[in-house]
Amino acid sequence: MPQVKEFSVEEKLSSLVTVQKIESKLDEIHILKGELPMEVADLEDEIQGLHSRQTRIEEEINGITEFIEQKKEAIKEAQALIKKYEKQTDNVKNNREFEAVNKEIEMQQLEVKLCEKHIKDANEEIAEKAVALDKAKKAIAAKDGVLTTKKGELEKIIAATEKEEKHFNKMAAEAREHVDDRLLTSYDKIRKSYRNGLAVVPVERDACGGCFYAIPPQKQSEIKQHKKVMVCENCGRILVDDDLNNKVEIK
């Protein structure tokens, strides 16, 4: 049965410093990109929403236009009936028939007026929708312009850093394989707790390199001995001595 190599505390800390320095390089690339990836995604979502709004308004205008055409057809039918009833008035035999025909004419005339009112109201609604549609189109054009600019900026940064980012991602994956699982879990947890992503820091000028909390001489001596993993009492970051930290170089 093959023996599993036990790494010394110094080796564990050295591996952890390596991971930290590589991932700090990746952080620098992400800082260079800044908020651009999020801004691009937000703009794309906003433009998609505006396009949906434009489509909805266009569909509403089409629906109102169809309604107007239906009312125009109804007017034609009513006018045809009026002509028909007017001809019938020449052949009525008594007042009762005359009143009945006249009533039909009045009903059709009322239908014409009602349809004309519906058409007028619908045209006013179309005018309002047209204003909203124009605003949506202008908003899309403006947002498209901003998106093109932002995408251009992001693409330039990606093109300039892509090779470097791939290199460091590969290095980070390889370096992580050499770190104790429990120590790596603690490292990841601490790293996520701080915006600058620093989980492993050197003792500099007798203080924690992360929060600048003073480290007593006795504790500094223990850190230099590499007998156990030491953490800052104030911020919880993993502490290493300056010599060990400087031994690790990332290219």
Protein backbone atom coordinates (compact mmCIF):
# COMPACT_ATOMS: atom_id res chain seq x y z
CA MET A 1 0.00 0.00 0.00
CA PRO A 2 1.57 3.33 -1.10
CA GLN A 3 2.36 5.77 1.66
CA VAL A 4 0.76 9.20 1.54
CA LYS A 5 3.40 11.88 1.94
CA GLU A 6 2.93 14.08 4.98
CA PHE A 7 3.76 17.70 4.28
CA SER A 8 5.42 19.87 6.89
CA VAL A 9 3.67 23.03 8.13
CA GLU A 10 6.23 25.09 6.21
CA GLU A 11 5.41 23.22 2.98
CA LYS A 12 1.68 23.64 3.60
CA LEU A 13 2.08 27.36 4.23
CA SER A 14 4.35 27.75 1.21
CA SER A 15 1.71 26.06 -1.00
CA LEU A 16 -0.99 28.29 0.49
CA VAL A 17 1.06 31.44 -0.16
CA THR A 18 1.50 30.27 -3.75
CA VAL A 19 -2.27 29.85 -4.18
CA GLN A 20 -2.89 33.28 -2.60
CA LYS A 21 -0.38 35.05 -4.83
CA ILE A 22 -1.71 33.41 -8.00
CA GLU A 23 -5.31 34.20 -7.12
CA SER A 24 -4.33 37.78 -6.23
CA LYS A 25 -2.98 38.08 -9.78
CA LEU A 26 -6.37 36.90 -11.06
CA ASP A 27 -8.05 39.44 -8.77
CA GLU A 28 -5.97 42.19 -10.39
CA ILE A 29 -7.28 41.13 -13.81
CA HIS A 30 -10.87 41.13 -12.52
CA ILE A 31 -10.33 44.60 -11.01
CA LEU A 32 -9.05 45.75 -14.41
CA LYS A 33 -12.34 44.60 -15.94
CA GLY A 34 -14.12 46.40 -13.09
CA GLU A 35 -17.89 46.50 -13.25
CA LEU A 36 -17.91 46.16 -17.05
CA PRO A 37 -19.10 42.51 -17.21
CA MET A 38 -22.01 43.31 -14.86
CA GLU A 39 -22.80 46.57 -16.69
CA VAL A 40 -22.86 44.75 -20.05
CA ALA A 41 -25.17 42.04 -18.66
CA ASP A 42 -27.49 44.66 -17.11
CA LEU A 43 -27.63 46.64 -20.36
CA GLU A 44 -28.41 43.50 -22.36
CA ASP A 45 -31.27 42.67 -19.96
CA GLU A 46 -32.55 46.25 -20.16
CA ILE A 47 -32.44 46.28 -23.97
CA GLN A 48 -34.24 42.93 -24.08
CA GLY A 49 -36.96 44.40 -21.84
CA LEU A 50 -37.25 47.46 -24.11
CA HIS A 51 -37.53 45.22 -27.18
CA SER A 52 -40.32 43.28 -25.47
CA ARG A 53 -42.05 46.57 -24.69
CA GLN A 54 -41.66 47.70 -28.31
CA THR A 55 -43.11 44.41 -29.57
CA ARG A 56 -46.03 44.67 -27.15
CA ILE A 57 -46.83 48.26 -28.23
CA GLU A 58 -46.61 47.29 -31.92
CA GLU A 59 -48.98 44.37 -31.31
CA GLU A 60 -51.38 46.70 -29.49
CA ILE A 61 -51.27 49.19 -32.39
CA ASN A 62 -51.92 46.36 -34.86
CA GLY A 63 -54.88 45.22 -32.75
CA ILE A 64 -56.34 48.75 -32.64
CA THR A 65 -55.78 49.13 -36.40
CA GLU A 66 -57.71 45.90 -37.02
CA PHE A 67 -60.47 47.21 -34.74
CA ILE A 68 -60.64 50.43 -36.82
CA GLU A 69 -60.89 48.44 -40.05
CA GLN A 70 -63.73 46.39 -38.53
CA LYS A 71 -65.57 49.58 -37.60
CA LYS A 72 -65.04 51.01 -41.10
CA GLU A 73 -66.55 47.85 -42.54
CA ALA A 74 -69.45 48.17 -40.09
CA ILE A 75 -70.00 51.76 -41.32
CA LYS A 76 -70.09 50.58 -44.94
CA GLU A 77 -72.60 47.89 -44.04
CA ALA A 78 -74.74 50.38 -42.09
CA GLN A 79 -74.63 52.91 -44.96
CA ALA A 80 -75.62 50.19 -47.43
CA LEU A 81 -78.57 49.29 -45.20
CA ILE A 82 -79.57 52.98 -44.93
CA LYS A 83 -79.68 53.20 -48.74
CA LYS A 84 -81.67 50.00 -48.86
CA TYR A 85 -84.20 51.25 -46.27
CA GLU A 86 -84.43 54.67 -47.95
CA LYS A 87 -85.48 52.92 -51.17
CA GLN A 88 -88.03 50.93 -49.22
CA THR A 89 -89.66 54.17 -48.02
CA ASP A 90 -90.84 54.75 -51.58
CA ASN A 91 -92.82 51.52 -51.50
CA VAL A 92 -94.37 51.60 -48.02
CA LYS A 93 -98.12 51.07 -47.91
CA ASN A 94 -98.96 52.71 -44.59
CA ASN A 95 -97.62 54.80 -41.72
CA ARG A 96 -96.82 51.75 -39.67
CA GLU A 97 -94.44 50.41 -42.33
CA PHE A 98 -92.99 53.91 -42.82
CA GLU A 99 -92.23 54.24 -39.11
CA ALA A 100 -90.70 50.78 -38.99
CA VAL A 101 -88.41 51.55 -41.96
CA ASN A 102 -87.54 54.97 -40.48
CA LYS A 103 -86.64 53.30 -37.20
CA GLU A 104 -84.26 50.94 -39.03
CA ILE A 105 -82.66 53.93 -40.78
CA GLU A 106 -82.21 55.74 -37.46
CA MET A 107 -80.66 52.64 -35.89
CA GLN A 108 -78.16 52.32 -38.74
CA GLN A 109 -77.37 56.06 -38.57
CA LEU A 110 -76.76 55.61 -34.84
CA GLU A 111 -74.53 52.64 -35.62
CA VAL A 112 -72.52 54.83 -38.04
CA LYS A 113 -72.08 57.55 -35.40
CA LEU A 114 -71.07 54.98 -32.78
CA CYS A 115 -68.53 53.40 -35.13
CA GLU A 116 -67.13 56.85 -36.01
CA LYS A 117 -66.73 57.59 -32.29
CA HIS A 118 -64.96 54.26 -31.77
CA ILE A 119 -62.66 55.05 -34.71
CA LYS A 120 -61.89 58.53 -33.31
CA ASP A 121 -61.10 57.10 -29.86
CA ALA A 122 -59.00 54.33 -31.40
CA ASN A 123 -57.00 56.81 -33.51
CA GLU A 124 -56.29 58.86 -30.38
CA GLU A 125 -55.14 55.69 -28.63
CA ILE A 126 -52.89 54.84 -31.59
CA ALA A 127 -51.38 58.35 -31.37
CA GLU A 128 -50.58 57.76 -27.69
CA LYS A 129 -49.14 54.33 -28.45
CA ALA A 130 -47.06 55.82 -31.27
CA VAL A 131 -45.47 58.27 -28.81
CA ALA A 132 -44.69 55.40 -26.41
CA LEU A 133 -43.30 53.34 -29.31
CA ASP A 134 -41.08 56.21 -30.43
CA LYS A 135 -39.74 56.59 -26.86
CA ALA A 136 -39.02 52.84 -26.65
CA LYS A 137 -37.17 52.91 -30.01
CA LYS A 138 -35.10 55.94 -28.96
CA ALA A 139 -34.31 54.28 -25.61
CA ILE A 140 -33.19 51.11 -27.43
CA ALA A 141 -30.98 53.13 -29.78
CA ALA A 142 -29.40 55.01 -26.86
CA LYS A 143 -28.84 51.83 -24.82
CA ASP A 144 -27.47 50.02 -27.88
CA GLY A 145 -24.91 52.80 -28.27
CA VAL A 146 -23.81 52.53 -24.64
CA LEU A 147 -23.73 48.72 -24.87
CA THR A 148 -21.53 48.83 -27.98
CA THR A 149 -19.08 51.12 -26.17
CA LYS A 150 -19.03 49.00 -23.01
CA LYS A 151 -18.64 45.76 -24.99
CA GLY A 152 -15.79 47.33 -26.95
CA GLU A 153 -14.00 48.31 -23.73
CA LEU A 154 -14.55 44.86 -22.22
CA GLU A 155 -13.39 43.04 -25.37
CA LYS A 156 -10.17 45.09 -25.40
CA ILE A 157 -9.46 44.19 -21.76
CA ILE A 158 -10.31 40.52 -22.38
CA ALA A 159 -8.06 40.43 -25.46
CA ALA A 160 -5.21 42.01 -23.48
CA THR A 161 -5.57 39.74 -20.44
CA GLU A 162 -7.00 36.49 -21.84
CA LYS A 163 -3.64 34.71 -22.20
CA GLU A 164 -2.52 35.88 -18.77
CA GLU A 165 -5.83 34.89 -17.15
CA LYS A 166 -5.70 31.38 -18.65
CA HIS A 167 -2.11 31.01 -17.45
CA PHE A 168 -2.95 31.99 -13.87
CA ASN A 169 -6.14 29.91 -13.80
CA LYS A 170 -4.12 26.85 -14.78
CA MET A 171 -1.46 27.68 -12.20
CA ALA A 172 -4.11 28.19 -9.49
CA ALA A 173 -5.73 24.81 -10.23
CA GLU A 174 -2.34 23.05 -10.04
CA ALA A 175 -1.30 24.91 -6.88
CA ARG A 176 -4.56 24.05 -5.11
CA GLU A 177 -3.81 20.33 -5.57
CA HIS A 178 -0.80 20.73 -3.27
CA VAL A 179 -2.74 22.29 -0.38
CA ASP A 180 -4.25 20.31 2.49
CA ASP A 181 -8.05 20.06 1.98
CA ARG A 182 -8.99 21.40 5.41
CA LEU A 183 -6.52 24.26 5.11
CA LEU A 184 -7.84 25.06 1.62
CA THR A 185 -11.42 25.12 2.94
CA SER A 186 -10.41 27.59 5.66
CA TYR A 187 -8.48 29.66 3.12
CA ASP A 188 -11.50 29.88 0.77
CA LYS A 189 -13.81 30.84 3.63
CA ILE A 190 -11.48 33.62 4.81
CA ARG A 191 -10.87 34.82 1.24
CA LYS A 192 -14.59 35.25 0.61
CA SER A 193 -14.92 37.33 3.78
CA TYR A 194 -12.74 40.15 2.44
CA ARG A 195 -13.20 42.32 -0.63
CA ASN A 196 -9.48 42.31 -1.41
CA GLY A 197 -9.47 38.48 -1.33
CA LEU A 198 -6.48 38.31 1.03
CA ALA A 199 -6.63 35.23 3.26
CA VAL A 200 -2.88 34.66 3.68
CA VAL A 201 -0.79 37.69 4.63
CA PRO A 202 2.76 38.31 5.85
CA VAL A 203 3.66 39.98 9.12
CA GLU A 204 4.97 43.42 8.13
CA ARG A 205 6.38 46.02 10.53
CA ASP A 206 5.24 43.88 13.49
CA ALA A 207 1.64 43.91 12.26
CA CYS A 208 -0.82 41.78 10.30
CA GLY A 209 -0.50 42.50 6.59
CA GLY A 210 -4.28 42.38 6.24
CA CYS A 211 -5.76 44.45 9.08
CA PHE A 212 -2.51 46.00 10.50
CA TYR A 213 -3.28 44.65 13.98
CA ALA A 214 -0.09 44.54 16.09
CA ILE A 215 1.43 41.07 16.41
CA PRO A 216 3.31 40.44 19.69
CA PRO A 217 7.01 39.45 19.40
CA GLN A 218 6.34 36.00 20.93
CA LYS A 219 3.71 35.23 18.29
CA GLN A 220 5.99 36.51 15.52
CA SER A 221 8.65 34.10 16.75
CA GLU A 222 6.16 31.20 16.62
CA ILE A 223 5.11 32.19 13.08
CA LYS A 224 8.76 32.08 11.94
CA GLN A 225 9.23 28.59 13.40
CA HIS A 226 6.57 27.12 11.03
CA LYS A 227 5.46 24.58 13.64
CA LYS A 228 1.77 25.35 13.29
CA VAL A 229 -0.61 27.50 11.24
CA MET A 230 -1.09 30.84 12.97
CA VAL A 231 -3.96 33.28 12.42
CA CYS A 232 -4.48 36.93 13.24
CA GLU A 233 -6.52 37.31 16.43
CA ASN A 234 -8.23 40.39 14.99
CA CYS A 235 -9.19 39.49 11.39
CA GLY A 236 -8.70 35.71 11.29
CA ARG A 237 -6.32 35.77 8.32
CA ILE A 238 -3.56 33.16 8.07
CA LEU A 239 -0.21 34.70 8.99
CA VAL A 240 3.19 33.88 7.49
CA ASP A 241 6.60 35.43 8.08
CA ASP A 242 8.04 37.84 5.54
CA ASP A 243 10.88 35.47 4.55
CA LEU A 244 8.53 32.63 3.60
CA ASN A 245 6.25 35.07 1.79
CA ASN A 246 9.16 36.50 -0.25
CA LYS A 247 10.39 33.02 -1.26
CA VAL A 248 7.26 32.50 -3.35
CA GLU A 249 7.44 34.30 -6.69
CA ILE A 250 4.72 34.13 -9.32
CA LYS A 251 5.54 34.77 -12.97
